[in-house]
Amino acid sequence: MHSRPPNNFQLEDVIIRTAETADHAAIREFYLATTLGGPSRENDTGADIENLHDGYFADDGASGFWVACLREEIIGMIGVQRTGDNIAELRRLRVRQGFRGIGVGRLLVEHAIGFCRERDYLKISLDVRLEQGPAITLIEKLGFTLARKRTIGDYEVADFYLDLYTEPKT
């Protein structure tokens, strides 16, 4: 396992692919290792990670879950869940510690946004803990707007959205 990119690392070597059943143990371990401080929402049980199929693949392609891989190692992940008729939520954005700040998170978010555009979602929502400054900077650069800040237990959380609505083509 790489704790940081190899010397010859190129962002082009990172592959974003749909999560597979064989990835579940690594995804679960990755999720648990990055949520030691607790969930960002009161009702966040991690059930979507425990059962990826029901959480992301049981709604006829309206949701999805992807991993970023460098060779065979999972170095990042992201999910999209349909939450309404034309609304999706980005979930579980994680990048392995040594791979942060070099574009992996951007690749994952851009992939998820593309997925949402293909499915004609009008809005994407996302919540981020305020101590996750680099993640907030990334999503703001990608056009997300701060909707509100709130407190959950000991944490400050920021809710963001991205408006994908475009004028109908005539």
C-alpha atoms as a PDB file:
ATOM      1  CA  MET A   1       0.000   0.000   0.000  1.00  0.00           C
ATOM      2  CA  HIS A   2       1.304   3.426  -0.904  1.00  0.00           C
ATOM      3  CA  SER A   3       1.051   6.077   1.781  1.00  0.00           C
ATOM      4  CA  ARG A   4       2.084   8.631  -0.801  1.00  0.00           C
ATOM      5  CA  PRO A   5       2.419   8.712  -4.582  1.00  0.00           C
ATOM      6  CA  PRO A   6       5.440   6.936  -6.061  1.00  0.00           C
ATOM      7  CA  ASN A   7       8.186   9.180  -7.455  1.00  0.00           C
ATOM      8  CA  ASN A   8       7.014   8.590 -11.025  1.00  0.00           C
ATOM      9  CA  PHE A   9       3.358   9.402 -10.191  1.00  0.00           C
ATOM     10  CA  GLN A  10       1.261  10.911 -12.963  1.00  0.00           C
ATOM     11  CA  LEU A  11      -2.371  11.898 -12.382  1.00  0.00           C
ATOM     12  CA  GLU A  12      -3.120  10.218 -15.720  1.00  0.00           C
ATOM     13  CA  ASP A  13      -2.219   6.895 -14.045  1.00  0.00           C
ATOM     14  CA  VAL A  14      -5.252   7.195 -11.756  1.00  0.00           C
ATOM     15  CA  ILE A  15      -8.255   5.290 -13.030  1.00  0.00           C
ATOM     16  CA  ILE A  16     -11.803   6.050 -11.885  1.00  0.00           C
ATOM     17  CA  ARG A  17     -13.956   2.941 -12.159  1.00  0.00           C
ATOM     18  CA  THR A  18     -17.248   1.629 -10.843  1.00  0.00           C
ATOM     19  CA  ALA A  19     -16.851  -0.099  -7.501  1.00  0.00           C
ATOM     20  CA  GLU A  20     -17.103  -3.872  -7.643  1.00  0.00           C
ATOM     21  CA  THR A  21     -18.049  -6.482  -5.065  1.00  0.00           C
ATOM     22  CA  ALA A  22     -14.377  -7.401  -4.696  1.00  0.00           C
ATOM     23  CA  ASP A  23     -13.654  -3.810  -3.602  1.00  0.00           C
ATOM     24  CA  HIS A  24     -16.035  -3.891  -0.639  1.00  0.00           C
ATOM     25  CA  ALA A  25     -13.513  -4.824   2.071  1.00  0.00           C
ATOM     26  CA  ALA A  26     -11.084  -2.109   0.942  1.00  0.00           C
ATOM     27  CA  ILE A  27     -13.882   0.487   0.676  1.00  0.00           C
ATOM     28  CA  ARG A  28     -15.179  -0.392   4.140  1.00  0.00           C
ATOM     29  CA  GLU A  29     -11.676  -0.198   5.638  1.00  0.00           C
ATOM     30  CA  PHE A  30     -11.042   3.123   3.874  1.00  0.00           C
ATOM     31  CA  TYR A  31     -14.371   4.517   5.089  1.00  0.00           C
ATOM     32  CA  LEU A  32     -13.794   3.447   8.704  1.00  0.00           C
ATOM     33  CA  ALA A  33     -10.250   4.839   8.720  1.00  0.00           C
ATOM     34  CA  THR A  34     -11.473   8.252   7.565  1.00  0.00           C
ATOM     35  CA  THR A  35     -14.506   8.604   9.834  1.00  0.00           C
ATOM     36  CA  LEU A  36     -12.834   8.137  13.197  1.00  0.00           C
ATOM     37  CA  GLY A  37     -14.240  11.467  14.376  1.00  0.00           C
ATOM     38  CA  GLY A  38     -17.796  10.348  13.773  1.00  0.00           C
ATOM     39  CA  PRO A  39     -20.409  10.997  11.084  1.00  0.00           C
ATOM     40  CA  SER A  40     -21.173  14.415   9.646  1.00  0.00           C
ATOM     41  CA  ARG A  41     -24.924  13.873   9.939  1.00  0.00           C
ATOM     42  CA  GLU A  42     -27.000  12.674  12.867  1.00  0.00           C
ATOM     43  CA  ASN A  43     -28.609   9.896  10.838  1.00  0.00           C
ATOM     44  CA  ASP A  44     -25.428   8.711   9.101  1.00  0.00           C
ATOM     45  CA  THR A  45     -25.115   5.048  10.030  1.00  0.00           C
ATOM     46  CA  GLY A  46     -22.732   3.953   7.274  1.00  0.00           C
ATOM     47  CA  ALA A  47     -25.356   1.493   6.017  1.00  0.00           C
ATOM     48  CA  ASP A  48     -24.618   2.548   2.432  1.00  0.00           C
ATOM     49  CA  ILE A  49     -21.014   1.397   2.865  1.00  0.00           C
ATOM     50  CA  GLU A  50     -22.059  -1.840   4.550  1.00  0.00           C
ATOM     51  CA  ASN A  51     -24.302  -2.642   1.594  1.00  0.00           C
ATOM     52  CA  LEU A  52     -23.002  -0.849  -1.486  1.00  0.00           C
ATOM     53  CA  HIS A  53     -25.460  -2.611  -3.775  1.00  0.00           C
ATOM     54  CA  ASP A  54     -28.560  -1.355  -1.963  1.00  0.00           C
ATOM     55  CA  GLY A  55     -27.025   2.065  -1.347  1.00  0.00           C
ATOM     56  CA  TYR A  56     -25.787   2.784  -4.867  1.00  0.00           C
ATOM     57  CA  PHE A  57     -26.720   0.120  -7.423  1.00  0.00           C
ATOM     58  CA  ALA A  58     -30.336  -0.906  -6.762  1.00  0.00           C
ATOM     59  CA  ASP A  59     -32.106   2.036  -8.394  1.00  0.00           C
ATOM     60  CA  ASP A  60     -31.742   1.346 -12.110  1.00  0.00           C
ATOM     61  CA  GLY A  61     -28.616   3.457 -12.600  1.00  0.00           C
ATOM     62  CA  ALA A  62     -29.837   6.611 -10.837  1.00  0.00           C
ATOM     63  CA  SER A  63     -27.024   6.303  -8.266  1.00  0.00           C
ATOM     64  CA  GLY A  64     -23.438   5.041  -8.426  1.00  0.00           C
ATOM     65  CA  PHE A  65     -20.213   4.497  -6.521  1.00  0.00           C
ATOM     66  CA  TRP A  66     -16.682   4.757  -7.879  1.00  0.00           C
ATOM     67  CA  VAL A  67     -13.145   4.196  -6.731  1.00  0.00           C
ATOM     68  CA  ALA A  68      -9.958   5.935  -7.822  1.00  0.00           C
ATOM     69  CA  CYS A  69      -7.188   3.405  -8.312  1.00  0.00           C
ATOM     70  CA  LEU A  70      -3.473   3.700  -8.770  1.00  0.00           C
ATOM     71  CA  ARG A  71      -2.511   0.361 -10.201  1.00  0.00           C
ATOM     72  CA  GLU A  72      -4.505  -2.020  -7.973  1.00  0.00           C
ATOM     73  CA  GLU A  73      -4.662   0.235  -4.900  1.00  0.00           C
ATOM     74  CA  ILE A  74      -7.806   2.186  -4.043  1.00  0.00           C
ATOM     75  CA  ILE A  75      -6.688   5.731  -3.273  1.00  0.00           C
ATOM     76  CA  GLY A  76     -10.067   7.459  -3.353  1.00  0.00           C
ATOM     77  CA  MET A  77     -13.808   6.970  -3.569  1.00  0.00           C
ATOM     78  CA  ILE A  78     -17.066   8.828  -4.147  1.00  0.00           C
ATOM     79  CA  GLY A  79     -20.742   8.005  -4.371  1.00  0.00           C
ATOM     80  CA  VAL A  80     -23.807   9.634  -5.879  1.00  0.00           C
ATOM     81  CA  GLN A  81     -27.232   8.884  -4.449  1.00  0.00           C
ATOM     82  CA  ARG A  82     -30.485  10.005  -5.996  1.00  0.00           C
ATOM     83  CA  THR A  83     -32.383  11.913  -3.302  1.00  0.00           C
ATOM     84  CA  GLY A  84     -35.299  13.334  -5.291  1.00  0.00           C
ATOM     85  CA  ASP A  85     -36.812  13.499  -8.744  1.00  0.00           C
ATOM     86  CA  ASN A  86     -34.042  15.711 -10.115  1.00  0.00           C
ATOM     87  CA  ILE A  87     -31.652  15.859  -7.161  1.00  0.00           C
ATOM     88  CA  ALA A  88     -28.587  13.832  -6.236  1.00  0.00           C
ATOM     89  CA  GLU A  89     -26.195  13.931  -3.313  1.00  0.00           C
ATOM     90  CA  LEU A  90     -22.438  13.443  -3.466  1.00  0.00           C
ATOM     91  CA  ARG A  91     -21.398  11.097  -0.668  1.00  0.00           C
ATOM     92  CA  ARG A  92     -18.321   9.472   0.763  1.00  0.00           C
ATOM     93  CA  LEU A  93     -15.722  11.592  -1.021  1.00  0.00           C
ATOM     94  CA  ARG A  94     -12.455  10.313   0.388  1.00  0.00           C
ATOM     95  CA  VAL A  95      -8.852  10.484  -0.797  1.00  0.00           C
ATOM     96  CA  ARG A  96      -6.057   8.561   0.892  1.00  0.00           C
ATOM     97  CA  GLN A  97      -3.946  10.864   3.080  1.00  0.00           C
ATOM     98  CA  GLY A  98      -0.753  10.862   1.003  1.00  0.00           C
ATOM     99  CA  PHE A  99      -2.674  11.456  -2.247  1.00  0.00           C
ATOM    100  CA  ARG A 100      -4.541  14.592  -1.203  1.00  0.00           C
ATOM    101  CA  GLY A 101      -3.917  17.918  -2.889  1.00  0.00           C
ATOM    102  CA  ILE A 102      -2.671  16.474  -6.182  1.00  0.00           C
ATOM    103  CA  GLY A 103      -5.923  16.246  -8.155  1.00  0.00           C
ATOM    104  CA  VAL A 104      -7.416  12.873  -7.182  1.00  0.00           C
ATOM    105  CA  GLY A 105     -10.372  14.459  -5.376  1.00  0.00           C
ATOM    106  CA  ARG A 106     -10.999  16.723  -8.352  1.00  0.00           C
ATOM    107  CA  LEU A 107     -11.067  13.702 -10.702  1.00  0.00           C
ATOM    108  CA  LEU A 108     -13.599  11.973  -8.444  1.00  0.00           C
ATOM    109  CA  VAL A 109     -15.898  14.994  -8.089  1.00  0.00           C
ATOM    110  CA  GLU A 110     -15.744  15.772 -11.815  1.00  0.00           C
ATOM    111  CA  HIS A 111     -16.615  12.145 -12.578  1.00  0.00           C
ATOM    112  CA  ALA A 112     -19.609  12.315 -10.220  1.00  0.00           C
ATOM    113  CA  ILE A 113     -20.786  15.629 -11.710  1.00  0.00           C
ATOM    114  CA  GLY A 114     -20.555  14.119 -15.200  1.00  0.00           C
ATOM    115  CA  PHE A 115     -22.645  11.156 -14.039  1.00  0.00           C
ATOM    116  CA  CYS A 116     -25.277  13.571 -12.694  1.00  0.00           C
ATOM    117  CA  ARG A 117     -25.323  15.618 -15.912  1.00  0.00           C
ATOM    118  CA  GLU A 118     -25.807  12.435 -17.983  1.00  0.00           C
ATOM    119  CA  ARG A 119     -28.870  11.629 -15.882  1.00  0.00           C
ATOM    120  CA  ASP A 120     -30.289  15.160 -16.185  1.00  0.00           C
ATOM    121  CA  TYR A 121     -30.145  15.951 -12.489  1.00  0.00           C
ATOM    122  CA  LEU A 122     -30.897  19.607 -11.852  1.00  0.00           C
ATOM    123  CA  LYS A 123     -29.113  19.905  -8.513  1.00  0.00           C
ATOM    124  CA  ILE A 124     -26.357  18.154  -6.567  1.00  0.00           C
ATOM    125  CA  SER A 125     -26.023  18.554  -2.812  1.00  0.00           C
ATOM    126  CA  LEU A 126     -23.032  17.818  -0.596  1.00  0.00           C
ATOM    127  CA  ASP A 127     -22.143  18.330   3.057  1.00  0.00           C
ATOM    128  CA  VAL A 128     -18.609  18.835   4.339  1.00  0.00           C
ATOM    129  CA  ARG A 129     -17.189  19.281   7.808  1.00  0.00           C
ATOM    130  CA  LEU A 130     -15.679  22.731   8.153  1.00  0.00           C
ATOM    131  CA  GLU A 131     -12.319  21.312   9.256  1.00  0.00           C
ATOM    132  CA  GLN A 132     -12.029  19.793   5.776  1.00  0.00           C
ATOM    133  CA  GLY A 133     -10.697  23.051   4.308  1.00  0.00           C
ATOM    134  CA  PRO A 134      -9.081  21.567   1.182  1.00  0.00           C
ATOM    135  CA  ALA A 135     -12.304  19.718   0.294  1.00  0.00           C
ATOM    136  CA  ILE A 136     -14.276  22.938   0.683  1.00  0.00           C
ATOM    137  CA  THR A 137     -11.801  24.801  -1.515  1.00  0.00           C
ATOM    138  CA  LEU A 138     -12.109  22.077  -4.169  1.00  0.00           C
ATOM    139  CA  ILE A 139     -15.881  22.045  -4.333  1.00  0.00           C
ATOM    140  CA  GLU A 140     -16.049  25.835  -4.394  1.00  0.00           C
ATOM    141  CA  LYS A 141     -13.612  25.832  -7.347  1.00  0.00           C
ATOM    142  CA  LEU A 142     -15.925  23.358  -9.082  1.00  0.00           C
ATOM    143  CA  GLY A 143     -18.868  25.745  -8.736  1.00  0.00           C
ATOM    144  CA  PHE A 144     -20.650  24.546  -5.605  1.00  0.00           C
ATOM    145  CA  THR A 145     -22.425  27.223  -3.554  1.00  0.00           C
ATOM    146  CA  LEU A 146     -22.608  27.339   0.233  1.00  0.00           C
ATOM    147  CA  ALA A 147     -26.241  26.957   1.305  1.00  0.00           C
ATOM    148  CA  ARG A 148     -25.823  26.954   5.084  1.00  0.00           C
ATOM    149  CA  LYS A 149     -23.633  26.041   8.028  1.00  0.00           C
ATOM    150  CA  ARG A 150     -24.897  23.985  10.949  1.00  0.00           C
ATOM    151  CA  THR A 151     -23.665  22.242  14.065  1.00  0.00           C
ATOM    152  CA  ILE A 152     -23.958  18.490  14.580  1.00  0.00           C
ATOM    153  CA  GLY A 153     -22.652  17.437  17.962  1.00  0.00           C
ATOM    154  CA  ASP A 154     -19.093  18.739  18.173  1.00  0.00           C
ATOM    155  CA  TYR A 155     -18.784  19.440  14.442  1.00  0.00           C
ATOM    156  CA  GLU A 156     -19.527  22.358  12.158  1.00  0.00           C
ATOM    157  CA  VAL A 157     -20.900  21.223   8.815  1.00  0.00           C
ATOM    158  CA  ALA A 158     -21.350  23.204   5.618  1.00  0.00           C
ATOM    159  CA  ASP A 159     -24.059  22.255   3.126  1.00  0.00           C
ATOM    160  CA  PHE A 160     -23.279  22.999  -0.518  1.00  0.00           C
ATOM    161  CA  TYR A 161     -25.168  22.610  -3.766  1.00  0.00           C
ATOM    162  CA  LEU A 162     -24.397  22.763  -7.462  1.00  0.00           C
ATOM    163  CA  ASP A 163     -27.152  23.938  -9.788  1.00  0.00           C
ATOM    164  CA  LEU A 164     -27.036  21.917 -13.014  1.00  0.00           C
ATOM    165  CA  TYR A 165     -30.157  23.449 -14.501  1.00  0.00           C
ATOM    166  CA  THR A 166     -29.689  24.775 -18.012  1.00  0.00           C
ATOM    167  CA  GLU A 167     -32.187  26.353 -20.335  1.00  0.00           C
ATOM    168  CA  PRO A 168     -34.001  23.789 -22.468  1.00  0.00           C
ATOM    169  CA  LYS A 169     -32.663  23.462 -25.997  1.00  0.00           C
ATOM    170  CA  THR A 170     -35.031  24.834 -28.614  1.00  0.00           C
END
